[in-house]
Amino acid sequence: MFTGIIETLGEVKAIEKDQENVHFTIKSSLTHELKIDQSVAHNGCCLTVVGIQGDEYVVTAIKETMVRTNLGEWKVGDKVNVERCTQMNGRLDGHIVQGHVDSTAKVVKIENEEGSWKVHFEYAEGVNQVTVEKGSITVNGVSLTVVDSHKNGFSVAIIPYTWEETNFHAFQPGSTANIEFDIVGKYVKKLLELRD
């Protein structure tokens, strides 16, 4: 489990295809604190550390992960948001994030709010999920509050610190982001569907 509070940016150093799996080598300032079998979120996608060498580590994504997330668009040199799993004796600064990406969303507009940025996203109709104003949403692993909510879309406000310390500063219209909808909202939606 994660909180959506990004610890650092990692750099993609190598990408290796192995049948339907893809191995990503990531360089990170956190590498020395990692161990084999540890869960680490990359742009909000929980991946298992399978190798460590020096200041680089390797994680593996399966076909389902590649289809559902933006990992298939990664290139060597790309920066990714990195967060280690949460410790249960710490503060939950963001919200409950599973690291299970539901879908991707496209950046459709970025507004400069004179000190912050408002980023608008749209996702495919088939995703069949909902957002609510002032509710929680995870974008590329970052815990955020929904500003505007509409069918198949939402917007979030980004403060300067988050803009600079995550890979959000690379966003432009057309960029793809990983989205994890709020787990509480997903359960409520499912219960209502079962009741009907």
N, C-alpha and C. Protein backbone atom coordinates (compact mmCIF):
# COMPACT_ATOMS: atom_id res chain seq x y z
N MET A 1 0.84 -1.18 0.00
CA MET A 1 0.00 0.00 0.00
C MET A 1 0.88 1.24 0.00
N PHE A 2 0.37 2.31 -0.61
CA PHE A 2 1.11 3.56 -0.75
C PHE A 2 0.23 4.72 -0.29
N THR A 3 0.82 5.92 -0.27
CA THR A 3 0.07 7.09 0.15
C THR A 3 -0.06 8.14 -0.95
N GLY A 4 0.68 7.98 -2.04
CA GLY A 4 0.63 8.97 -3.11
C GLY A 4 1.51 10.17 -2.86
N ILE A 5 2.45 10.04 -1.92
CA ILE A 5 3.43 11.09 -1.66
C ILE A 5 4.76 10.65 -2.28
N ILE A 6 5.15 11.28 -3.37
CA ILE A 6 6.32 10.86 -4.13
C ILE A 6 7.60 11.19 -3.36
N GLU A 7 8.51 10.20 -3.31
CA GLU A 7 9.76 10.39 -2.58
C GLU A 7 10.87 10.95 -3.46
N THR A 8 10.89 10.52 -4.71
CA THR A 8 11.97 10.95 -5.60
C THR A 8 11.59 10.66 -7.04
N LEU A 9 12.37 11.19 -7.96
CA LEU A 9 12.24 10.84 -9.37
C LEU A 9 13.31 9.81 -9.70
N GLY A 10 12.92 8.74 -10.39
CA GLY A 10 13.87 7.76 -10.88
C GLY A 10 14.06 7.96 -12.37
N GLU A 11 15.19 7.51 -12.89
CA GLU A 11 15.47 7.62 -14.32
C GLU A 11 15.52 6.24 -14.95
N VAL A 12 14.79 6.07 -16.04
CA VAL A 12 14.80 4.80 -16.76
C VAL A 12 16.14 4.69 -17.48
N LYS A 13 16.93 3.66 -17.12
CA LYS A 13 18.26 3.49 -17.70
C LYS A 13 18.31 2.39 -18.77
N ALA A 14 17.40 1.41 -18.69
CA ALA A 14 17.38 0.33 -19.68
C ALA A 14 16.00 -0.30 -19.70
N ILE A 15 15.61 -0.80 -20.88
CA ILE A 15 14.33 -1.49 -21.06
C ILE A 15 14.63 -2.76 -21.83
N GLU A 16 14.25 -3.91 -21.25
CA GLU A 16 14.54 -5.20 -21.88
C GLU A 16 13.28 -6.05 -21.97
N LYS A 17 12.92 -6.42 -23.18
CA LYS A 17 11.74 -7.27 -23.40
C LYS A 17 12.14 -8.72 -23.18
N ASP A 18 11.32 -9.48 -22.47
CA ASP A 18 11.55 -10.90 -22.19
C ASP A 18 10.23 -11.63 -22.37
N GLN A 19 9.97 -12.12 -23.58
CA GLN A 19 8.70 -12.69 -23.98
C GLN A 19 7.61 -11.62 -23.78
N GLU A 20 6.60 -11.87 -22.92
CA GLU A 20 5.55 -10.87 -22.69
C GLU A 20 5.89 -9.92 -21.55
N ASN A 21 6.98 -10.18 -20.85
CA ASN A 21 7.39 -9.33 -19.74
C ASN A 21 8.36 -8.25 -20.20
N VAL A 22 8.44 -7.18 -19.43
CA VAL A 22 9.41 -6.12 -19.71
C VAL A 22 10.16 -5.80 -18.42
N HIS A 23 11.49 -5.81 -18.49
CA HIS A 23 12.34 -5.47 -17.35
C HIS A 23 12.81 -4.02 -17.50
N PHE A 24 12.58 -3.23 -16.47
CA PHE A 24 13.00 -1.83 -16.46
C PHE A 24 14.12 -1.66 -15.45
N THR A 25 15.21 -1.07 -15.88
CA THR A 25 16.29 -0.71 -14.96
C THR A 25 16.14 0.77 -14.61
N ILE A 26 16.06 1.05 -13.31
CA ILE A 26 15.80 2.40 -12.81
C ILE A 26 16.98 2.86 -11.95
N LYS A 27 17.44 4.08 -12.20
CA LYS A 27 18.46 4.69 -11.34
C LYS A 27 17.75 5.62 -10.37
N SER A 28 18.05 5.47 -9.08
CA SER A 28 17.32 6.25 -8.08
C SER A 28 18.20 6.50 -6.86
N SER A 29 17.94 7.62 -6.20
CA SER A 29 18.64 7.93 -4.95
C SER A 29 18.19 7.01 -3.81
N LEU A 30 17.11 6.26 -4.02
CA LEU A 30 16.59 5.35 -3.00
C LEU A 30 17.13 3.93 -3.15
N THR A 31 17.88 3.65 -4.22
CA THR A 31 18.30 2.28 -4.50
C THR A 31 18.99 1.63 -3.31
N HIS A 32 19.86 2.36 -2.62
CA HIS A 32 20.61 1.78 -1.50
C HIS A 32 19.71 1.36 -0.34
N GLU A 33 18.46 1.85 -0.33
CA GLU A 33 17.52 1.49 0.74
C GLU A 33 16.57 0.36 0.34
N LEU A 34 16.65 -0.08 -0.92
CA LEU A 34 15.74 -1.12 -1.41
C LEU A 34 16.31 -2.51 -1.18
N LYS A 35 15.42 -3.51 -1.27
CA LYS A 35 15.84 -4.90 -1.21
C LYS A 35 15.03 -5.71 -2.21
N ILE A 36 15.56 -6.86 -2.60
CA ILE A 36 14.85 -7.75 -3.52
C ILE A 36 13.49 -8.10 -2.93
N ASP A 37 12.46 -8.19 -3.75
CA ASP A 37 11.08 -8.52 -3.39
C ASP A 37 10.30 -7.34 -2.83
N GLN A 38 10.91 -6.16 -2.71
CA GLN A 38 10.20 -5.00 -2.18
C GLN A 38 9.27 -4.42 -3.24
N SER A 39 8.12 -3.93 -2.79
CA SER A 39 7.17 -3.28 -3.69
C SER A 39 7.47 -1.79 -3.76
N VAL A 40 7.57 -1.29 -4.99
CA VAL A 40 7.85 0.13 -5.21
C VAL A 40 6.90 0.62 -6.29
N ALA A 41 6.27 1.78 -6.06
CA ALA A 41 5.35 2.36 -7.04
C ALA A 41 6.14 3.24 -8.01
N HIS A 42 5.88 3.04 -9.30
CA HIS A 42 6.51 3.82 -10.37
C HIS A 42 5.39 4.45 -11.18
N ASN A 43 5.27 5.77 -11.13
CA ASN A 43 4.12 6.46 -11.73
C ASN A 43 2.82 5.83 -11.24
N GLY A 44 2.82 5.41 -9.97
CA GLY A 44 1.63 4.85 -9.37
C GLY A 44 1.42 3.38 -9.61
N CYS A 45 2.32 2.73 -10.32
CA CYS A 45 2.18 1.30 -10.64
C CYS A 45 3.11 0.50 -9.73
N CYS A 46 2.53 -0.38 -8.93
CA CYS A 46 3.30 -1.19 -7.99
C CYS A 46 4.07 -2.27 -8.75
N LEU A 47 5.40 -2.25 -8.62
CA LEU A 47 6.26 -3.24 -9.26
C LEU A 47 7.23 -3.80 -8.22
N THR A 48 7.64 -5.05 -8.41
CA THR A 48 8.53 -5.72 -7.47
C THR A 48 9.99 -5.59 -7.89
N VAL A 49 10.84 -5.25 -6.94
CA VAL A 49 12.27 -5.17 -7.20
C VAL A 49 12.81 -6.60 -7.37
N VAL A 50 13.44 -6.85 -8.52
CA VAL A 50 13.96 -8.19 -8.80
C VAL A 50 15.48 -8.22 -8.90
N GLY A 51 16.12 -7.06 -8.94
CA GLY A 51 17.57 -7.00 -9.00
C GLY A 51 18.08 -5.65 -8.57
N ILE A 52 19.27 -5.63 -7.97
CA ILE A 52 19.90 -4.39 -7.51
C ILE A 52 21.38 -4.45 -7.84
N GLN A 53 21.88 -3.37 -8.44
CA GLN A 53 23.31 -3.27 -8.69
C GLN A 53 23.72 -1.80 -8.64
N GLY A 54 24.57 -1.48 -7.68
CA GLY A 54 25.01 -0.10 -7.51
C GLY A 54 23.84 0.80 -7.19
N ASP A 55 23.69 1.88 -7.95
CA ASP A 55 22.59 2.82 -7.71
C ASP A 55 21.40 2.56 -8.64
N GLU A 56 21.36 1.35 -9.24
CA GLU A 56 20.27 0.98 -10.14
C GLU A 56 19.58 -0.29 -9.66
N TYR A 57 18.29 -0.38 -9.93
CA TYR A 57 17.55 -1.60 -9.60
C TYR A 57 16.65 -1.96 -10.78
N VAL A 58 16.18 -3.21 -10.78
CA VAL A 58 15.37 -3.72 -11.87
C VAL A 58 14.00 -4.13 -11.34
N VAL A 59 12.96 -3.76 -12.09
CA VAL A 59 11.59 -4.20 -11.81
C VAL A 59 11.02 -4.81 -13.10
N THR A 60 10.05 -5.70 -12.94
CA THR A 60 9.47 -6.39 -14.09
C THR A 60 7.99 -6.12 -14.18
N ALA A 61 7.52 -5.81 -15.38
CA ALA A 61 6.09 -5.60 -15.64
C ALA A 61 5.57 -6.72 -16.53
N ILE A 62 4.41 -7.25 -16.18
CA ILE A 62 3.79 -8.29 -17.00
C ILE A 62 2.91 -7.66 -18.07
N LYS A 63 2.38 -8.48 -18.96
CA LYS A 63 1.59 -7.98 -20.08
C LYS A 63 0.40 -7.15 -19.62
N GLU A 64 -0.33 -7.61 -18.60
CA GLU A 64 -1.50 -6.87 -18.09
C GLU A 64 -1.10 -5.47 -17.65
N THR A 65 0.03 -5.36 -16.99
CA THR A 65 0.51 -4.05 -16.53
C THR A 65 0.85 -3.16 -17.71
N MET A 66 1.49 -3.74 -18.72
CA MET A 66 1.87 -2.95 -19.90
C MET A 66 0.65 -2.44 -20.65
N VAL A 67 -0.41 -3.23 -20.68
CA VAL A 67 -1.64 -2.84 -21.39
C VAL A 67 -2.40 -1.75 -20.65
N ARG A 68 -2.42 -1.84 -19.32
CA ARG A 68 -3.28 -0.97 -18.51
C ARG A 68 -2.64 0.36 -18.13
N THR A 69 -1.33 0.47 -18.26
CA THR A 69 -0.61 1.64 -17.76
C THR A 69 0.13 2.37 -18.88
N ASN A 70 0.87 3.41 -18.51
CA ASN A 70 1.68 4.14 -19.50
C ASN A 70 3.11 3.62 -19.58
N LEU A 71 3.40 2.48 -18.96
CA LEU A 71 4.76 1.94 -18.97
C LEU A 71 5.23 1.61 -20.39
N GLY A 72 4.31 1.26 -21.27
CA GLY A 72 4.68 0.95 -22.65
C GLY A 72 5.21 2.15 -23.41
N GLU A 73 4.97 3.35 -22.89
CA GLU A 73 5.46 4.58 -23.54
C GLU A 73 6.81 5.03 -22.99
N TRP A 74 7.27 4.37 -21.92
CA TRP A 74 8.54 4.79 -21.32
C TRP A 74 9.69 4.61 -22.30
N LYS A 75 10.65 5.55 -22.22
CA LYS A 75 11.86 5.49 -23.02
C LYS A 75 13.06 5.67 -22.08
N VAL A 76 14.20 5.18 -22.51
CA VAL A 76 15.42 5.39 -21.73
C VAL A 76 15.63 6.89 -21.56
N GLY A 77 15.87 7.30 -20.33
CA GLY A 77 16.05 8.71 -20.01
C GLY A 77 14.83 9.35 -19.38
N ASP A 78 13.66 8.69 -19.50
CA ASP A 78 12.44 9.24 -18.90
C ASP A 78 12.55 9.26 -17.38
N LYS A 79 11.90 10.26 -16.78
CA LYS A 79 11.84 10.36 -15.32
C LYS A 79 10.49 9.83 -14.85
N VAL A 80 10.52 9.00 -13.80
CA VAL A 80 9.29 8.41 -13.25
C VAL A 80 9.18 8.73 -11.77
N ASN A 81 7.95 8.91 -11.31
CA ASN A 81 7.69 9.16 -9.89
C ASN A 81 7.86 7.87 -9.11
N VAL A 82 8.62 7.92 -8.02
CA VAL A 82 8.92 6.73 -7.23
C VAL A 82 8.47 6.92 -5.79
N GLU A 83 7.80 5.88 -5.27
CA GLU A 83 7.39 5.86 -3.86
C GLU A 83 7.52 4.45 -3.33
N ARG A 84 8.18 4.31 -2.19
CA ARG A 84 8.22 3.01 -1.52
C ARG A 84 6.90 2.79 -0.77
N CYS A 85 6.62 1.52 -0.45
CA CYS A 85 5.37 1.22 0.27
C CYS A 85 5.38 1.92 1.63
N THR A 86 4.17 2.20 2.11
CA THR A 86 4.04 2.95 3.36
C THR A 86 4.35 2.08 4.57
N GLN A 87 4.82 2.71 5.62
CA GLN A 87 5.01 2.02 6.90
C GLN A 87 3.78 2.27 7.76
N MET A 88 3.25 1.25 8.35
CA MET A 88 2.00 1.36 9.09
C MET A 88 2.11 2.19 10.37
N ASN A 89 3.32 2.50 10.80
CA ASN A 89 3.48 3.34 12.00
C ASN A 89 3.72 4.80 11.65
N GLY A 90 3.50 5.15 10.38
CA GLY A 90 3.73 6.52 9.95
C GLY A 90 2.43 7.24 9.66
N ARG A 91 2.53 8.52 9.30
CA ARG A 91 1.37 9.32 8.96
C ARG A 91 0.93 9.00 7.53
N LEU A 92 -0.36 9.01 7.32
CA LEU A 92 -0.92 8.82 5.99
C LEU A 92 -1.14 10.21 5.40
N ASP A 93 -0.09 10.76 4.78
CA ASP A 93 -0.14 12.14 4.31
C ASP A 93 -1.03 12.32 3.08
N GLY A 94 -1.14 11.31 2.24
CA GLY A 94 -1.96 11.42 1.03
C GLY A 94 -3.31 10.76 1.27
N HIS A 95 -3.56 9.65 0.55
CA HIS A 95 -4.73 8.83 0.80
C HIS A 95 -4.36 7.38 0.52
N ILE A 96 -5.26 6.46 0.72
CA ILE A 96 -4.95 5.04 0.51
C ILE A 96 -4.81 4.77 -0.98
N VAL A 97 -3.58 4.42 -1.37
CA VAL A 97 -3.25 4.14 -2.77
C VAL A 97 -2.75 2.70 -2.84
N GLN A 98 -3.35 1.90 -3.70
CA GLN A 98 -2.96 0.49 -3.79
C GLN A 98 -1.79 0.24 -4.73
N GLY A 99 -1.55 1.16 -5.64
CA GLY A 99 -0.53 0.91 -6.65
C GLY A 99 -1.07 0.06 -7.78
N HIS A 100 -2.39 -0.07 -7.86
CA HIS A 100 -3.07 -0.84 -8.90
C HIS A 100 -3.71 0.15 -9.87
N VAL A 101 -3.04 0.44 -10.96
CA VAL A 101 -3.51 1.42 -11.92
C VAL A 101 -4.77 0.92 -12.60
N ASP A 102 -5.83 1.76 -12.62
CA ASP A 102 -7.09 1.38 -13.25
C ASP A 102 -7.07 1.62 -14.75
N SER A 103 -6.46 2.72 -15.16
CA SER A 103 -6.41 3.05 -16.59
C SER A 103 -5.45 4.21 -16.78
N THR A 104 -5.36 4.65 -18.01
CA THR A 104 -4.60 5.87 -18.29
C THR A 104 -5.59 6.98 -18.64
N ALA A 105 -5.11 8.19 -18.57
CA ALA A 105 -5.89 9.36 -18.96
C ALA A 105 -4.98 10.29 -19.74
N LYS A 106 -5.57 11.06 -20.64
CA LYS A 106 -4.82 12.01 -21.44
C LYS A 106 -4.94 13.41 -20.87
N VAL A 107 -3.84 14.14 -20.87
CA VAL A 107 -3.88 15.57 -20.54
C VAL A 107 -4.52 16.29 -21.72
N VAL A 108 -5.62 17.00 -21.47
CA VAL A 108 -6.29 17.73 -22.55
C VAL A 108 -6.04 19.23 -22.49
N LYS A 109 -5.71 19.73 -21.29
CA LYS A 109 -5.45 21.17 -21.16
C LYS A 109 -4.68 21.43 -19.88
N ILE A 110 -3.76 22.40 -19.95
CA ILE A 110 -3.02 22.85 -18.77
C ILE A 110 -3.20 24.35 -18.65
N GLU A 111 -3.73 24.79 -17.52
CA GLU A 111 -3.94 26.22 -17.28
C GLU A 111 -2.96 26.73 -16.23
N ASN A 112 -2.27 27.82 -16.56
CA ASN A 112 -1.39 28.46 -15.60
C ASN A 112 -2.27 29.35 -14.71
N GLU A 113 -2.29 29.02 -13.42
CA GLU A 113 -3.16 29.73 -12.47
C GLU A 113 -2.39 30.79 -11.69
N GLU A 114 -1.29 31.31 -12.26
CA GLU A 114 -0.48 32.35 -11.61
C GLU A 114 0.01 31.89 -10.24
N GLY A 115 0.79 30.84 -10.26
CA GLY A 115 1.35 30.30 -9.02
C GLY A 115 1.10 28.83 -8.87
N SER A 116 0.15 28.30 -9.62
CA SER A 116 -0.13 26.87 -9.64
C SER A 116 -0.61 26.51 -11.04
N TRP A 117 -0.88 25.25 -11.23
CA TRP A 117 -1.35 24.79 -12.53
C TRP A 117 -2.61 23.96 -12.34
N LYS A 118 -3.55 24.12 -13.26
CA LYS A 118 -4.76 23.31 -13.28
C LYS A 118 -4.67 22.41 -14.52
N VAL A 119 -4.66 21.11 -14.28
CA VAL A 119 -4.48 20.15 -15.36
C VAL A 119 -5.77 19.37 -15.56
N HIS A 120 -6.24 19.34 -16.80
CA HIS A 120 -7.48 18.66 -17.15
C HIS A 120 -7.16 17.33 -17.82
N PHE A 121 -7.84 16.27 -17.39
CA PHE A 121 -7.63 14.93 -17.92
C PHE A 121 -8.94 14.36 -18.47
N GLU A 122 -8.82 13.50 -19.48
CA GLU A 122 -9.96 12.71 -19.96
C GLU A 122 -9.52 11.27 -20.07
N TYR A 123 -10.47 10.36 -19.76
CA TYR A 123 -10.19 8.93 -19.88
C TYR A 123 -11.30 8.27 -20.68
N ALA A 124 -11.04 7.07 -21.18
CA ALA A 124 -11.97 6.39 -22.09
C ALA A 124 -13.29 6.04 -21.40
N GLU A 125 -14.37 6.08 -22.18
CA GLU A 125 -15.70 5.77 -21.64
C GLU A 125 -15.77 4.37 -21.05
N GLY A 126 -15.06 3.42 -21.64
CA GLY A 126 -15.11 2.05 -21.16
C GLY A 126 -14.51 1.82 -19.80
N VAL A 127 -13.81 2.83 -19.27
CA VAL A 127 -13.19 2.70 -17.95
C VAL A 127 -14.25 2.52 -16.87
N ASN A 128 -15.41 3.17 -17.04
CA ASN A 128 -16.56 2.97 -16.15
C ASN A 128 -16.23 3.25 -14.68
N GLN A 129 -15.52 4.35 -14.43
CA GLN A 129 -15.23 4.78 -13.07
C GLN A 129 -15.71 6.21 -12.89
N VAL A 130 -15.74 6.65 -11.64
CA VAL A 130 -16.24 7.99 -11.36
C VAL A 130 -15.25 8.76 -10.50
N THR A 131 -15.33 10.08 -10.62
CA THR A 131 -14.62 10.97 -9.71
C THR A 131 -15.65 11.90 -9.09
N VAL A 132 -15.30 12.48 -7.96
CA VAL A 132 -16.19 13.46 -7.33
C VAL A 132 -15.36 14.68 -6.95
N GLU A 133 -15.97 15.85 -7.05
CA GLU A 133 -15.27 17.07 -6.65
C GLU A 133 -14.84 16.98 -5.19
N LYS A 134 -13.62 17.36 -4.94
CA LYS A 134 -12.97 17.32 -3.62
C LYS A 134 -12.66 15.91 -3.16
N GLY A 135 -12.86 14.92 -4.04
CA GLY A 135 -12.49 13.55 -3.74
C GLY A 135 -11.03 13.30 -4.09
N SER A 136 -10.55 12.11 -3.79
CA SER A 136 -9.15 11.76 -4.04
C SER A 136 -8.99 11.07 -5.39
N ILE A 137 -7.84 11.30 -6.01
CA ILE A 137 -7.48 10.66 -7.27
C ILE A 137 -5.95 10.51 -7.26
N THR A 138 -5.46 9.45 -7.87
CA THR A 138 -4.01 9.27 -7.98
C THR A 138 -3.61 9.42 -9.44
N VAL A 139 -2.72 10.35 -9.73
CA VAL A 139 -2.23 10.61 -11.08
C VAL A 139 -0.73 10.38 -11.11
N ASN A 140 -0.28 9.40 -11.91
CA ASN A 140 1.14 9.04 -11.95
C ASN A 140 1.69 8.81 -10.55
N GLY A 141 0.85 8.23 -9.69
CA GLY A 141 1.27 7.90 -8.34
C GLY A 141 1.15 9.00 -7.32
N VAL A 142 0.69 10.18 -7.74
CA VAL A 142 0.59 11.33 -6.84
C VAL A 142 -0.83 11.45 -6.31
N SER A 143 -0.98 11.53 -5.00
CA SER A 143 -2.28 11.73 -4.37
C SER A 143 -2.71 13.18 -4.57
N LEU A 144 -3.87 13.36 -5.22
CA LEU A 144 -4.37 14.70 -5.52
C LEU A 144 -5.85 14.80 -5.19
N THR A 145 -6.33 16.04 -5.12
CA THR A 145 -7.75 16.31 -4.90
C THR A 145 -8.38 16.74 -6.21
N VAL A 146 -9.52 16.14 -6.53
CA VAL A 146 -10.24 16.50 -7.75
C VAL A 146 -10.82 17.90 -7.59
N VAL A 147 -10.60 18.75 -8.59
CA VAL A 147 -11.17 20.10 -8.60
C VAL A 147 -12.52 20.07 -9.30
N ASP A 148 -12.51 19.70 -10.57
CA ASP A 148 -13.75 19.58 -11.36
C ASP A 148 -13.91 18.12 -11.75
N SER A 149 -15.16 17.66 -11.74
CA SER A 149 -15.45 16.28 -12.12
C SER A 149 -16.57 16.27 -13.15
N HIS A 150 -16.36 15.52 -14.23
CA HIS A 150 -17.42 15.34 -15.21
C HIS A 150 -17.27 13.95 -15.82
N LYS A 151 -18.21 13.56 -16.63
CA LYS A 151 -18.18 12.22 -17.20
C LYS A 151 -16.88 12.02 -17.99
N ASN A 152 -16.14 10.99 -17.62
CA ASN A 152 -14.90 10.61 -18.28
C ASN A 152 -13.82 11.70 -18.22
N GLY A 153 -13.88 12.53 -17.18
CA GLY A 153 -12.85 13.54 -17.05
C GLY A 153 -12.85 14.22 -15.71
N PHE A 154 -11.74 14.90 -15.43
CA PHE A 154 -11.59 15.62 -14.16
C PHE A 154 -10.42 16.58 -14.31
N SER A 155 -10.30 17.47 -13.35
CA SER A 155 -9.13 18.34 -13.29
C SER A 155 -8.55 18.32 -11.88
N VAL A 156 -7.27 18.65 -11.79
CA VAL A 156 -6.59 18.74 -10.51
C VAL A 156 -5.76 20.01 -10.49
N ALA A 157 -5.50 20.53 -9.30
CA ALA A 157 -4.65 21.71 -9.14
C ALA A 157 -3.30 21.25 -8.60
N ILE A 158 -2.23 21.75 -9.20
CA ILE A 158 -0.87 21.35 -8.83
C ILE A 158 -0.11 22.54 -8.28
N ILE A 159 0.39 22.41 -7.05
CA ILE A 159 1.19 23.49 -6.47
C ILE A 159 2.61 23.44 -7.05
N PRO A 160 3.37 24.54 -6.96
CA PRO A 160 4.72 24.56 -7.54
C PRO A 160 5.64 23.45 -7.06
N TYR A 161 5.61 23.11 -5.77
CA TYR A 161 6.49 22.06 -5.25
C TYR A 161 6.22 20.73 -5.96
N THR A 162 4.95 20.36 -6.05
CA THR A 162 4.59 19.10 -6.71
C THR A 162 4.94 19.14 -8.18
N TRP A 163 4.71 20.28 -8.82
CA TRP A 163 5.02 20.44 -10.25
C TRP A 163 6.50 20.17 -10.52
N GLU A 164 7.36 20.69 -9.66
CA GLU A 164 8.80 20.57 -9.89
C GLU A 164 9.38 19.25 -9.39
N GLU A 165 8.85 18.71 -8.29
CA GLU A 165 9.44 17.53 -7.67
C GLU A 165 8.91 16.21 -8.21
N THR A 166 7.95 16.26 -9.14
CA THR A 166 7.43 15.06 -9.79
C THR A 166 7.63 15.22 -11.29
N ASN A 167 7.18 14.22 -12.05
CA ASN A 167 7.32 14.35 -13.51
C ASN A 167 6.18 15.15 -14.14
N PHE A 168 5.38 15.83 -13.32
CA PHE A 168 4.29 16.66 -13.86
C PHE A 168 4.83 17.81 -14.72
N HIS A 169 6.02 18.30 -14.40
CA HIS A 169 6.56 19.43 -15.17
C HIS A 169 6.80 19.06 -16.64
N ALA A 170 6.77 17.76 -16.94
CA ALA A 170 6.94 17.32 -18.34
C ALA A 170 5.59 17.16 -19.05
N PHE A 171 4.49 17.33 -18.32
CA PHE A 171 3.17 17.20 -18.94
C PHE A 171 2.96 18.25 -20.03
N GLN A 172 2.26 17.84 -21.06
CA GLN A 172 1.78 18.74 -22.10
C GLN A 172 0.51 18.11 -22.66
N PRO A 173 -0.32 18.88 -23.36
CA PRO A 173 -1.52 18.29 -23.93
C PRO A 173 -1.17 17.06 -24.77
N GLY A 174 -1.87 15.97 -24.50
CA GLY A 174 -1.59 14.71 -25.19
C GLY A 174 -0.79 13.74 -24.35
N SER A 175 -0.15 14.22 -23.25
CA SER A 175 0.60 13.31 -22.38
C SER A 175 -0.34 12.29 -21.75
N THR A 176 0.18 11.10 -21.50
CA THR A 176 -0.60 10.02 -20.89
C THR A 176 -0.16 9.85 -19.44
N ALA A 177 -1.12 9.74 -18.54
CA ALA A 177 -0.83 9.54 -17.12
C ALA A 177 -1.55 8.30 -16.61
N ASN A 178 -0.95 7.64 -15.63
CA ASN A 178 -1.60 6.51 -14.96
C ASN A 178 -2.60 7.04 -13.94
N ILE A 179 -3.77 6.42 -13.91
CA ILE A 179 -4.83 6.86 -13.00
C ILE A 179 -5.25 5.70 -12.10
N GLU A 180 -5.30 5.96 -10.80
CA GLU A 180 -5.93 5.03 -9.86
C GLU A 180 -7.05 5.77 -9.16
N PHE A 181 -8.27 5.30 -9.38
CA PHE A 181 -9.43 5.92 -8.76
C PHE A 181 -9.47 5.55 -7.28
N ASP A 182 -10.16 6.38 -6.49
CA ASP A 182 -10.24 6.19 -5.05
C ASP A 182 -10.87 4.85 -4.71
N ILE A 183 -10.20 4.05 -3.88
CA ILE A 183 -10.66 2.70 -3.56
C ILE A 183 -12.02 2.73 -2.86
N VAL A 184 -12.27 3.72 -2.01
CA VAL A 184 -13.56 3.81 -1.33
C VAL A 184 -14.67 4.04 -2.36
N GLY A 185 -14.43 4.95 -3.29
CA GLY A 185 -15.41 5.22 -4.34
C GLY A 185 -15.67 3.99 -5.20
N LYS A 186 -14.63 3.21 -5.48
CA LYS A 186 -14.81 2.02 -6.30
C LYS A 186 -15.69 0.98 -5.60
N TYR A 187 -15.51 0.82 -4.29
CA TYR A 187 -16.33 -0.13 -3.55
C TYR A 187 -17.79 0.34 -3.46
N VAL A 188 -17.99 1.63 -3.23
CA VAL A 188 -19.36 2.16 -3.17
C VAL A 188 -20.05 1.95 -4.51
N LYS A 189 -19.36 2.24 -5.59
CA LYS A 189 -19.91 2.07 -6.93
C LYS A 189 -20.29 0.60 -7.17
N LYS A 190 -19.41 -0.32 -6.79
CA LYS A 190 -19.68 -1.75 -6.98
C LYS A 190 -20.87 -2.21 -6.15
N LEU A 191 -20.96 -1.75 -4.91
CA LEU A 191 -22.09 -2.13 -4.05
C LEU A 191 -23.40 -1.63 -4.63
N LEU A 192 -23.42 -0.42 -5.15
CA LEU A 192 -24.63 0.11 -5.78
C LEU A 192 -25.02 -0.68 -7.02
N GLU A 193 -24.04 -1.11 -7.78
CA GLU A 193 -24.32 -1.92 -8.98
C GLU A 193 -24.89 -3.27 -8.58
N LEU A 194 -24.36 -3.87 -7.52
CA LEU A 194 -24.86 -5.18 -7.05
C LEU A 194 -26.28 -5.05 -6.50
N ARG A 195 -26.56 -3.93 -5.85
CA ARG A 195 -27.90 -3.72 -5.28
C ARG A 195 -28.94 -3.60 -6.38
N ASP A 196 -28.53 -2.97 -7.49
CA ASP A 196 -29.46 -2.80 -8.61
C ASP A 196 -29.61 -4.11 -9.37
